[in-house]
Amino acid sequence: MLAGVGLGAIIGAAAGLLFAPKAGSELRDDLTGKLKELKDKTEDWIGEQRAKRAVEGAVEELGV
């Protein structure tokens, strides 16, 4: 469910950028910025998930 919402947000943002009346260079700069932001957020989320799994694994190993 959450993945669908995220995908929808990405598609909506891309459509908004592509249909905005801007020069090509401005559009490319905007897209580059948005993609970098998405990459950073994705890397943060992956790091959080890995940390969460590590903690859950340690708790399970300790039997707490």
Protein backbone atom coordinates (compact mmCIF):
# COMPACT_ATOMS: atom_id res chain seq x y z
CA MET A 1 0.00 0.00 0.00
CA LEU A 2 2.72 2.44 1.04
CA ALA A 3 4.75 1.63 -2.07
CA GLY A 4 1.74 2.45 -4.22
CA VAL A 5 1.28 5.79 -2.53
CA GLY A 6 4.96 6.59 -2.98
CA LEU A 7 4.88 5.58 -6.63
CA GLY A 8 1.79 7.70 -7.20
CA ALA A 9 3.48 10.70 -5.61
CA ILE A 10 6.54 10.25 -7.84
CA ILE A 11 4.43 9.95 -10.98
CA GLY A 12 2.37 13.00 -10.01
CA ALA A 13 5.46 15.10 -9.32
CA ALA A 14 7.05 14.05 -12.61
CA ALA A 15 3.87 14.85 -14.54
CA GLY A 16 3.65 18.25 -12.86
CA LEU A 17 7.23 19.05 -13.80
CA LEU A 18 6.85 17.85 -17.38
CA PHE A 19 3.69 19.88 -18.03
CA ALA A 20 4.95 23.07 -16.36
CA PRO A 21 5.74 25.89 -18.81
CA LYS A 22 9.52 26.10 -18.34
CA ALA A 23 12.57 26.21 -20.53
CA GLY A 24 14.31 22.89 -21.18
CA SER A 25 17.35 23.73 -19.07
CA GLU A 26 15.15 24.76 -16.12
CA LEU A 27 13.15 21.56 -16.44
CA ARG A 28 16.32 19.44 -16.50
CA ASP A 29 17.63 21.25 -13.43
CA ASP A 30 14.32 20.67 -11.62
CA LEU A 31 14.27 16.99 -12.57
CA THR A 32 17.88 16.55 -11.48
CA GLY A 33 17.10 18.13 -8.12
CA LYS A 34 13.98 16.03 -7.59
CA LEU A 35 15.77 12.81 -8.53
CA LYS A 36 18.63 13.61 -6.15
CA GLU A 37 16.11 14.32 -3.39
CA LEU A 38 14.32 11.03 -4.11
CA LYS A 39 17.63 9.15 -4.08
CA ASP A 40 18.59 10.69 -0.74
CA LYS A 41 15.21 9.87 0.81
CA THR A 42 15.40 6.31 -0.51
CA GLU A 43 18.89 5.83 0.91
CA ASP A 44 17.73 7.19 4.28
CA TRP A 45 14.74 4.84 4.28
CA ILE A 46 16.93 1.85 3.40
CA GLY A 47 19.31 2.74 6.23
CA GLU A 48 16.43 3.00 8.68
CA GLN A 49 15.05 -0.37 7.58
CA ARG A 50 18.45 -2.03 7.94
CA ALA A 51 18.90 -0.56 11.42
CA LYS A 52 15.40 -1.67 12.39
CA ARG A 53 16.10 -5.22 11.21
CA ALA A 54 19.41 -5.26 13.07
CA VAL A 55 17.70 -4.21 16.30
CA GLU A 56 14.91 -6.74 15.81
CA GLY A 57 17.48 -9.45 15.13
CA ALA A 58 19.44 -8.55 18.26
CA VAL A 59 16.28 -8.54 20.38
CA GLU A 60 15.27 -11.92 18.98
CA GLU A 61 18.76 -13.31 19.57
CA LEU A 62 18.74 -12.12 23.17
CA GLY A 63 15.24 -13.47 23.69
CA VAL A 64 13.92 -10.20 25.07
